Amino acid sequence: MLGLDEYEVIRLIDLEGMQQEQAAAQMGVARTTVQSIYNAARHKLAEALVNGRTLRIEGGDVEVCEKRAQCMRGGCCGHHRCGKQKPEG
């Protein structure tokens, strides 16, 4: 099982190309926390790929922005972890 926090770290670092410091700021945690989560997530991904195991993504202590799709399209909902400036107006 891959927790949502592990999924988010993989998404931010490996897909979005963020540095650990940037991912930590985005998630509102310490860089050392991101590093720990990232190492655990990569181990789980490798285990699933190499050994043909099922990978489930679920649960975790996370806060999800309901307007995340808007943020990902370049707009901003104003959420404090969005990482972008809220547009004026």
PDB file of N, CA and C in Angstrom:
ATOM      1  N   MET A   1       0.827  -1.175   0.000  1.00  0.00           N
ATOM      2  CA  MET A   1       0.000   0.000   0.000  1.00  0.00           C
ATOM      3  C   MET A   1       0.881   1.252   0.000  1.00  0.00           C
ATOM      4  N   LEU A   2       0.550   2.184  -0.844  1.00  0.00           N
ATOM      5  CA  LEU A   2       1.233   3.475  -0.904  1.00  0.00           C
ATOM      6  C   LEU A   2       0.268   4.504  -0.312  1.00  0.00           C
ATOM      7  N   GLY A   3       0.692   5.168   0.746  1.00  0.00           N
ATOM      8  CA  GLY A   3      -0.146   6.183   1.365  1.00  0.00           C
ATOM      9  C   GLY A   3      -0.258   7.419   0.483  1.00  0.00           C
ATOM     10  N   LEU A   4      -1.274   8.212   0.712  1.00  0.00           N
ATOM     11  CA  LEU A   4      -1.465   9.426  -0.087  1.00  0.00           C
ATOM     12  C   LEU A   4      -0.305  10.403   0.066  1.00  0.00           C
ATOM     13  N   ASP A   5       0.294  10.445   1.254  1.00  0.00           N
ATOM     14  CA  ASP A   5       1.457  11.317   1.433  1.00  0.00           C
ATOM     15  C   ASP A   5       2.632  10.834   0.586  1.00  0.00           C
ATOM     16  N   GLU A   6       2.811   9.515   0.490  1.00  0.00           N
ATOM     17  CA  GLU A   6       3.876   8.954  -0.341  1.00  0.00           C
ATOM     18  C   GLU A   6       3.596   9.204  -1.821  1.00  0.00           C
ATOM     19  N   TYR A   7       2.355   9.022  -2.201  1.00  0.00           N
ATOM     20  CA  TYR A   7       1.941   9.313  -3.581  1.00  0.00           C
ATOM     21  C   TYR A   7       2.234  10.771  -3.933  1.00  0.00           C
ATOM     22  N   GLU A   8       1.888  11.687  -3.033  1.00  0.00           N
ATOM     23  CA  GLU A   8       2.082  13.117  -3.292  1.00  0.00           C
ATOM     24  C   GLU A   8       3.559  13.471  -3.411  1.00  0.00           C
ATOM     25  N   VAL A   9       4.398  12.883  -2.589  1.00  0.00           N
ATOM     26  CA  VAL A   9       5.837  13.146  -2.668  1.00  0.00           C
ATOM     27  C   VAL A   9       6.391  12.653  -4.002  1.00  0.00           C
ATOM     28  N   ILE A  10       5.989  11.468  -4.433  1.00  0.00           N
ATOM     29  CA  ILE A  10       6.426  10.941  -5.732  1.00  0.00           C
ATOM     30  C   ILE A  10       5.949  11.858  -6.851  1.00  0.00           C
ATOM     31  N   ARG A  11       4.710  12.315  -6.759  1.00  0.00           N
ATOM     32  CA  ARG A  11       4.162  13.211  -7.790  1.00  0.00           C
ATOM     33  C   ARG A  11       4.947  14.519  -7.855  1.00  0.00           C
ATOM     34  N   LEU A  12       5.191  15.115  -6.704  1.00  0.00           N
ATOM     35  CA  LEU A  12       5.880  16.410  -6.684  1.00  0.00           C
ATOM     36  C   LEU A  12       7.335  16.305  -7.145  1.00  0.00           C
ATOM     37  N   ILE A  13       8.052  15.296  -6.664  1.00  0.00           N
ATOM     38  CA  ILE A  13       9.477  15.192  -6.972  1.00  0.00           C
ATOM     39  C   ILE A  13       9.716  14.567  -8.345  1.00  0.00           C
ATOM     40  N   ASP A  14       9.118  13.422  -8.597  1.00  0.00           N
ATOM     41  CA  ASP A  14       9.420  12.695  -9.829  1.00  0.00           C
ATOM     42  C   ASP A  14       8.619  13.167 -11.040  1.00  0.00           C
ATOM     43  N   LEU A  15       7.385  13.585 -10.837  1.00  0.00           N
ATOM     44  CA  LEU A  15       6.572  14.037 -11.967  1.00  0.00           C
ATOM     45  C   LEU A  15       6.699  15.540 -12.200  1.00  0.00           C
ATOM     46  N   GLU A  16       6.577  16.320 -11.139  1.00  0.00           N
ATOM     47  CA  GLU A  16       6.639  17.781 -11.270  1.00  0.00           C
ATOM     48  C   GLU A  16       8.074  18.304 -11.275  1.00  0.00           C
ATOM     49  N   GLY A  17       9.043  17.480 -10.886  1.00  0.00           N
ATOM     50  CA  GLY A  17      10.449  17.876 -10.921  1.00  0.00           C
ATOM     51  C   GLY A  17      10.882  18.803  -9.795  1.00  0.00           C
ATOM     52  N   MET A  18      10.150  18.795  -8.696  1.00  0.00           N
ATOM     53  CA  MET A  18      10.508  19.660  -7.569  1.00  0.00           C
ATOM     54  C   MET A  18      11.689  19.091  -6.805  1.00  0.00           C
ATOM     55  N   GLN A  19      12.436  19.964  -6.159  1.00  0.00           N
ATOM     56  CA  GLN A  19      13.458  19.562  -5.203  1.00  0.00           C
ATOM     57  C   GLN A  19      12.744  19.195  -3.903  1.00  0.00           C
ATOM     58  N   GLN A  20      13.430  18.458  -3.034  1.00  0.00           N
ATOM     59  CA  GLN A  20      12.812  18.068  -1.764  1.00  0.00           C
ATOM     60  C   GLN A  20      12.367  19.276  -0.951  1.00  0.00           C
ATOM     61  N   GLU A  21      13.141  20.347  -0.989  1.00  0.00           N
ATOM     62  CA  GLU A  21      12.782  21.553  -0.240  1.00  0.00           C
ATOM     63  C   GLU A  21      11.475  22.152  -0.758  1.00  0.00           C
ATOM     64  N   GLN A  22      11.312  22.171  -2.079  1.00  0.00           N
ATOM     65  CA  GLN A  22      10.090  22.700  -2.680  1.00  0.00           C
ATOM     66  C   GLN A  22       8.901  21.817  -2.342  1.00  0.00           C
ATOM     67  N   ALA A  23       9.084  20.511  -2.422  1.00  0.00           N
ATOM     68  CA  ALA A  23       8.007  19.580  -2.083  1.00  0.00           C
ATOM     69  C   ALA A  23       7.603  19.734  -0.622  1.00  0.00           C
ATOM     70  N   ALA A  24       8.585  19.926   0.240  1.00  0.00           N
ATOM     71  CA  ALA A  24       8.302  20.109   1.665  1.00  0.00           C
ATOM     72  C   ALA A  24       7.461  21.365   1.895  1.00  0.00           C
ATOM     73  N   ALA A  25       7.822  22.447   1.218  1.00  0.00           N
ATOM     74  CA  ALA A  25       7.055  23.688   1.349  1.00  0.00           C
ATOM     75  C   ALA A  25       5.629  23.494   0.831  1.00  0.00           C
ATOM     76  N   GLN A  26       5.491  22.815  -0.287  1.00  0.00           N
ATOM     77  CA  GLN A  26       4.177  22.562  -0.883  1.00  0.00           C
ATOM     78  C   GLN A  26       3.298  21.743   0.062  1.00  0.00           C
ATOM     79  N   MET A  27       3.912  20.778   0.735  1.00  0.00           N
ATOM     80  CA  MET A  27       3.166  19.889   1.618  1.00  0.00           C
ATOM     81  C   MET A  27       3.048  20.421   3.043  1.00  0.00           C
ATOM     82  N   GLY A  28       3.821  21.443   3.361  1.00  0.00           N
ATOM     83  CA  GLY A  28       3.759  22.018   4.700  1.00  0.00           C
ATOM     84  C   GLY A  28       4.432  21.154   5.759  1.00  0.00           C
ATOM     85  N   VAL A  29       5.511  20.456   5.359  1.00  0.00           N
ATOM     86  CA  VAL A  29       6.268  19.619   6.288  1.00  0.00           C
ATOM     87  C   VAL A  29       7.753  19.925   6.138  1.00  0.00           C
ATOM     88  N   ALA A  30       8.563  19.353   7.021  1.00  0.00           N
ATOM     89  CA  ALA A  30      10.009  19.555   6.962  1.00  0.00           C
ATOM     90  C   ALA A  30      10.621  18.781   5.795  1.00  0.00           C
ATOM     91  N   ARG A  31      11.751  19.254   5.295  1.00  0.00           N
ATOM     92  CA  ARG A  31      12.441  18.562   4.212  1.00  0.00           C
ATOM     93  C   ARG A  31      12.837  17.154   4.628  1.00  0.00           C
ATOM     94  N   THR A  32      13.243  16.988   5.878  1.00  0.00           N
ATOM     95  CA  THR A  32      13.617  15.658   6.355  1.00  0.00           C
ATOM     96  C   THR A  32      12.421  14.702   6.342  1.00  0.00           C
ATOM     97  N   THR A  33      11.237  15.233   6.584  1.00  0.00           N
ATOM     98  CA  THR A  33      10.021  14.419   6.512  1.00  0.00           C
ATOM     99  C   THR A  33       9.772  13.986   5.079  1.00  0.00           C
ATOM    100  N   VAL A  34       9.918  14.915   4.139  1.00  0.00           N
ATOM    101  CA  VAL A  34       9.751  14.583   2.724  1.00  0.00           C
ATOM    102  C   VAL A  34      10.767  13.522   2.318  1.00  0.00           C
ATOM    103  N   GLN A  35      11.997  13.664   2.749  1.00  0.00           N
ATOM    104  CA  GLN A  35      13.038  12.702   2.410  1.00  0.00           C
ATOM    105  C   GLN A  35      12.671  11.306   2.918  1.00  0.00           C
ATOM    106  N   SER A  36      12.187  11.227   4.138  1.00  0.00           N
ATOM    107  CA  SER A  36      11.787   9.947   4.717  1.00  0.00           C
ATOM    108  C   SER A  36      10.606   9.334   3.967  1.00  0.00           C
ATOM    109  N   ILE A  37       9.605  10.146   3.675  1.00  0.00           N
ATOM    110  CA  ILE A  37       8.429   9.677   2.936  1.00  0.00           C
ATOM    111  C   ILE A  37       8.840   9.223   1.541  1.00  0.00           C
ATOM    112  N   TYR A  38       9.702   9.997   0.881  1.00  0.00           N
ATOM    113  CA  TYR A  38      10.152   9.699  -0.473  1.00  0.00           C
ATOM    114  C   TYR A  38      10.908   8.366  -0.520  1.00  0.00           C
ATOM    115  N   ASN A  39      11.808   8.149   0.437  1.00  0.00           N
ATOM    116  CA  ASN A  39      12.570   6.898   0.477  1.00  0.00           C
ATOM    117  C   ASN A  39      11.647   5.697   0.659  1.00  0.00           C
ATOM    118  N   ALA A  40      10.671   5.818   1.547  1.00  0.00           N
ATOM    119  CA  ALA A  40       9.729   4.717   1.769  1.00  0.00           C
ATOM    120  C   ALA A  40       8.884   4.463   0.523  1.00  0.00           C
ATOM    121  N   ALA A  41       8.439   5.523  -0.119  1.00  0.00           N
ATOM    122  CA  ALA A  41       7.609   5.388  -1.325  1.00  0.00           C
ATOM    123  C   ALA A  41       8.379   4.736  -2.463  1.00  0.00           C
ATOM    124  N   ARG A  42       9.621   5.146  -2.671  1.00  0.00           N
ATOM    125  CA  ARG A  42      10.428   4.558  -3.749  1.00  0.00           C
ATOM    126  C   ARG A  42      10.691   3.088  -3.492  1.00  0.00           C
ATOM    127  N   HIS A  43      10.897   2.714  -2.243  1.00  0.00           N
ATOM    128  CA  HIS A  43      11.089   1.302  -1.913  1.00  0.00           C
ATOM    129  C   HIS A  43       9.823   0.505  -2.248  1.00  0.00           C
ATOM    130  N   LYS A  44       8.675   1.035  -1.891  1.00  0.00           N
ATOM    131  CA  LYS A  44       7.409   0.350  -2.177  1.00  0.00           C
ATOM    132  C   LYS A  44       7.163   0.237  -3.678  1.00  0.00           C
ATOM    133  N   LEU A  45       7.472   1.299  -4.420  1.00  0.00           N
ATOM    134  CA  LEU A  45       7.313   1.248  -5.880  1.00  0.00           C
ATOM    135  C   LEU A  45       8.241   0.214  -6.505  1.00  0.00           C
ATOM    136  N   ALA A  46       9.474   0.179  -6.063  1.00  0.00           N
ATOM    137  CA  ALA A  46      10.436  -0.794  -6.585  1.00  0.00           C
ATOM    138  C   ALA A  46       9.990  -2.212  -6.257  1.00  0.00           C
ATOM    139  N   GLU A  47       9.529  -2.416  -5.049  1.00  0.00           N
ATOM    140  CA  GLU A  47       9.039  -3.727  -4.633  1.00  0.00           C
ATOM    141  C   GLU A  47       7.889  -4.189  -5.528  1.00  0.00           C
ATOM    142  N   ALA A  48       6.961  -3.299  -5.802  1.00  0.00           N
ATOM    143  CA  ALA A  48       5.815  -3.638  -6.655  1.00  0.00           C
ATOM    144  C   ALA A  48       6.256  -3.925  -8.089  1.00  0.00           C
ATOM    145  N   LEU A  49       7.144  -3.114  -8.641  1.00  0.00           N
ATOM    146  CA  LEU A  49       7.591  -3.304 -10.018  1.00  0.00           C
ATOM    147  C   LEU A  49       8.443  -4.559 -10.192  1.00  0.00           C
ATOM    148  N   VAL A  50       9.414  -4.729  -9.325  1.00  0.00           N
ATOM    149  CA  VAL A  50      10.358  -5.831  -9.466  1.00  0.00           C
ATOM    150  C   VAL A  50       9.713  -7.179  -9.143  1.00  0.00           C
ATOM    151  N   ASN A  51       8.880  -7.214  -8.128  1.00  0.00           N
ATOM    152  CA  ASN A  51       8.290  -8.473  -7.680  1.00  0.00           C
ATOM    153  C   ASN A  51       6.860  -8.684  -8.163  1.00  0.00           C
ATOM    154  N   GLY A  52       6.365  -7.791  -9.004  1.00  0.00           N
ATOM    155  CA  GLY A  52       5.027  -7.946  -9.571  1.00  0.00           C
ATOM    156  C   GLY A  52       3.911  -7.887  -8.548  1.00  0.00           C
ATOM    157  N   ARG A  53       4.106  -7.101  -7.517  1.00  0.00           N
ATOM    158  CA  ARG A  53       3.094  -6.988  -6.467  1.00  0.00           C
ATOM    159  C   ARG A  53       2.073  -5.910  -6.811  1.00  0.00           C
ATOM    160  N   THR A  54       0.898  -6.070  -6.258  1.00  0.00           N
ATOM    161  CA  THR A  54      -0.161  -5.084  -6.435  1.00  0.00           C
ATOM    162  C   THR A  54       0.188  -3.841  -5.623  1.00  0.00           C
ATOM    163  N   LEU A  55      -0.053  -2.690  -6.212  1.00  0.00           N
ATOM    164  CA  LEU A  55       0.188  -1.425  -5.521  1.00  0.00           C
ATOM    165  C   LEU A  55      -1.139  -0.717  -5.349  1.00  0.00           C
ATOM    166  N   ARG A  56      -1.505  -0.486  -4.104  1.00  0.00           N
ATOM    167  CA  ARG A  56      -2.727   0.257  -3.799  1.00  0.00           C
ATOM    168  C   ARG A  56      -2.339   1.620  -3.236  1.00  0.00           C
ATOM    169  N   ILE A  57      -3.117   2.621  -3.587  1.00  0.00           N
ATOM    170  CA  ILE A  57      -2.906   3.972  -3.057  1.00  0.00           C
ATOM    171  C   ILE A  57      -4.130   4.295  -2.217  1.00  0.00           C
ATOM    172  N   GLU A  58      -3.901   4.566  -0.945  1.00  0.00           N
ATOM    173  CA  GLU A  58      -5.035   4.855  -0.072  1.00  0.00           C
ATOM    174  C   GLU A  58      -4.590   5.513   1.220  1.00  0.00           C
ATOM    175  N   GLY A  59      -5.557   6.115   1.875  1.00  0.00           N
ATOM    176  CA  GLY A  59      -5.426   6.615   3.227  1.00  0.00           C
ATOM    177  C   GLY A  59      -4.313   7.603   3.495  1.00  0.00           C
ATOM    178  N   GLY A  60      -4.175   7.886   4.760  1.00  0.00           N
ATOM    179  CA  GLY A  60      -3.145   8.797   5.211  1.00  0.00           C
ATOM    180  C   GLY A  60      -3.744  10.050   5.807  1.00  0.00           C
ATOM    181  N   ASP A  61      -2.920  10.777   6.522  1.00  0.00           N
ATOM    182  CA  ASP A  61      -3.322  12.023   7.161  1.00  0.00           C
ATOM    183  C   ASP A  61      -3.018  13.158   6.191  1.00  0.00           C
ATOM    184  N   VAL A  62      -3.968  13.448   5.293  1.00  0.00           N
ATOM    185  CA  VAL A  62      -3.744  14.442   4.249  1.00  0.00           C
ATOM    186  C   VAL A  62      -4.887  15.438   4.182  1.00  0.00           C
ATOM    187  N   GLU A  63      -4.591  16.571   3.588  1.00  0.00           N
ATOM    188  CA  GLU A  63      -5.580  17.607   3.328  1.00  0.00           C
ATOM    189  C   GLU A  63      -5.591  17.830   1.825  1.00  0.00           C
ATOM    190  N   VAL A  64      -6.738  17.603   1.198  1.00  0.00           N
ATOM    191  CA  VAL A  64      -6.839  17.711  -0.248  1.00  0.00           C
ATOM    192  C   VAL A  64      -7.625  18.969  -0.607  1.00  0.00           C
ATOM    193  N   CYS A  65      -7.046  19.765  -1.484  1.00  0.00           N
ATOM    194  CA  CYS A  65      -7.709  20.968  -1.966  1.00  0.00           C
ATOM    195  C   CYS A  65      -8.793  20.548  -2.951  1.00  0.00           C
ATOM    196  N   GLU A  66     -10.037  20.936  -2.698  1.00  0.00           N
ATOM    197  CA  GLU A  66     -11.143  20.555  -3.571  1.00  0.00           C
ATOM    198  C   GLU A  66     -11.032  21.182  -4.954  1.00  0.00           C
ATOM    199  N   LYS A  67     -10.272  22.243  -5.091  1.00  0.00           N
ATOM    200  CA  LYS A  67     -10.127  22.925  -6.377  1.00  0.00           C
ATOM    201  C   LYS A  67      -8.757  22.657  -6.991  1.00  0.00           C
ATOM    202  N   ARG A  68      -8.146  21.506  -6.650  1.00  0.00           N
ATOM    203  CA  ARG A  68      -6.805  21.185  -7.116  1.00  0.00           C
ATOM    204  C   ARG A  68      -6.700  21.208  -8.638  1.00  0.00           C
ATOM    205  N   ALA A  69      -7.733  20.737  -9.338  1.00  0.00           N
ATOM    206  CA  ALA A  69      -7.690  20.712 -10.808  1.00  0.00           C
ATOM    207  C   ALA A  69      -7.521  22.124 -11.360  1.00  0.00           C
ATOM    208  N   GLN A  70      -8.168  23.111 -10.745  1.00  0.00           N
ATOM    209  CA  GLN A  70      -8.029  24.509 -11.171  1.00  0.00           C
ATOM    210  C   GLN A  70      -6.582  24.955 -10.996  1.00  0.00           C
ATOM    211  N   CYS A  71      -5.973  24.600  -9.882  1.00  0.00           N
ATOM    212  CA  CYS A  71      -4.584  24.976  -9.622  1.00  0.00           C
ATOM    213  C   CYS A  71      -3.653  24.325 -10.643  1.00  0.00           C
ATOM    214  N   MET A  72      -3.920  23.079 -10.976  1.00  0.00           N
ATOM    215  CA  MET A  72      -3.059  22.361 -11.896  1.00  0.00           C
ATOM    216  C   MET A  72      -3.189  22.900 -13.319  1.00  0.00           C
ATOM    217  N   ARG A  73      -4.300  23.559 -13.640  1.00  0.00           N
ATOM    218  CA  ARG A  73      -4.476  24.148 -14.971  1.00  0.00           C
ATOM    219  C   ARG A  73      -3.880  25.553 -15.050  1.00  0.00           C
ATOM    220  N   GLY A  74      -3.261  26.004 -13.979  1.00  0.00           N
ATOM    221  CA  GLY A  74      -2.589  27.297 -14.015  1.00  0.00           C
ATOM    222  C   GLY A  74      -3.305  28.387 -13.245  1.00  0.00           C
ATOM    223  N   GLY A  75      -4.528  28.146 -12.840  1.00  0.00           N
ATOM    224  CA  GLY A  75      -5.238  29.110 -12.005  1.00  0.00           C
ATOM    225  C   GLY A  75      -4.847  28.883 -10.565  1.00  0.00           C
ATOM    226  N   CYS A  76      -5.533  29.523  -9.669  1.00  0.00           N
ATOM    227  CA  CYS A  76      -5.258  29.276  -8.263  1.00  0.00           C
ATOM    228  C   CYS A  76      -6.519  29.495  -7.461  1.00  0.00           C
ATOM    229  N   CYS A  77      -6.747  28.597  -6.533  1.00  0.00           N
ATOM    230  CA  CYS A  77      -7.929  28.681  -5.691  1.00  0.00           C
ATOM    231  C   CYS A  77      -7.649  29.519  -4.452  1.00  0.00           C
ATOM    232  N   GLY A  78      -6.367  29.832  -4.206  1.00  0.00           N
ATOM    233  CA  GLY A  78      -6.001  30.589  -3.020  1.00  0.00           C
ATOM    234  C   GLY A  78      -5.628  29.711  -1.836  1.00  0.00           C
ATOM    235  N   HIS A  79      -5.631  28.405  -2.028  1.00  0.00           N
ATOM    236  CA  HIS A  79      -5.266  27.468  -0.978  1.00  0.00           C
ATOM    237  C   HIS A  79      -3.815  27.710  -0.584  1.00  0.00           C
ATOM    238  N   HIS A  80      -3.511  27.685   0.692  1.00  0.00           N
ATOM    239  CA  HIS A  80      -2.168  28.033   1.155  1.00  0.00           C
ATOM    240  C   HIS A  80      -1.083  27.080   0.687  1.00  0.00           C
ATOM    241  N   ARG A  81      -1.418  25.894   0.241  1.00  0.00           N
ATOM    242  CA  ARG A  81      -0.401  24.953  -0.247  1.00  0.00           C
ATOM    243  C   ARG A  81      -0.388  24.857  -1.757  1.00  0.00           C
ATOM    244  N   CYS A  82      -1.073  25.739  -2.404  1.00  0.00           N
ATOM    245  CA  CYS A  82      -1.167  25.718  -3.854  1.00  0.00           C
ATOM    246  C   CYS A  82       0.195  25.971  -4.508  1.00  0.00           C
ATOM    247  N   GLY A  83       0.987  26.853  -3.916  1.00  0.00           N
ATOM    248  CA  GLY A  83       2.302  27.148  -4.475  1.00  0.00           C
ATOM    249  C   GLY A  83       2.268  28.234  -5.536  1.00  0.00           C
ATOM    250  N   LYS A  84       1.096  28.766  -5.810  1.00  0.00           N
ATOM    251  CA  LYS A  84       0.955  29.826  -6.815  1.00  0.00           C
ATOM    252  C   LYS A  84       0.248  31.001  -6.172  1.00  0.00           C
ATOM    253  N   GLN A  85       0.364  32.125  -6.767  1.00  0.00           N
ATOM    254  CA  GLN A  85      -0.317  33.306  -6.262  1.00  0.00           C
ATOM    255  C   GLN A  85      -1.770  33.312  -6.724  1.00  0.00           C
ATOM    256  N   LYS A  86      -2.672  33.665  -5.820  1.00  0.00           N
ATOM    257  CA  LYS A  86      -4.076  33.757  -6.156  1.00  0.00           C
ATOM    258  C   LYS A  86      -4.277  34.918  -7.125  1.00  0.00           C
ATOM    259  N   PRO A  87      -5.015  34.689  -8.241  1.00  0.00           N
ATOM    260  CA  PRO A  87      -5.214  35.772  -9.190  1.00  0.00           C
ATOM    261  C   PRO A  87      -6.070  36.886  -8.583  1.00  0.00           C
ATOM    262  N   GLU A  88      -5.817  38.079  -9.035  1.00  0.00           N
ATOM    263  CA  GLU A  88      -6.592  39.230  -8.552  1.00  0.00           C
ATOM    264  C   GLU A  88      -7.961  39.242  -9.198  1.00  0.00           C
ATOM    265  N   GLY A  89      -8.949  39.705  -8.430  1.00  0.00           N
ATOM    266  CA  GLY A  89     -10.285  39.870  -8.972  1.00  0.00           C
ATOM    267  C   GLY A  89     -11.139  38.799  -8.608  1.00  0.00           C
TER     268      GLY A  89
END
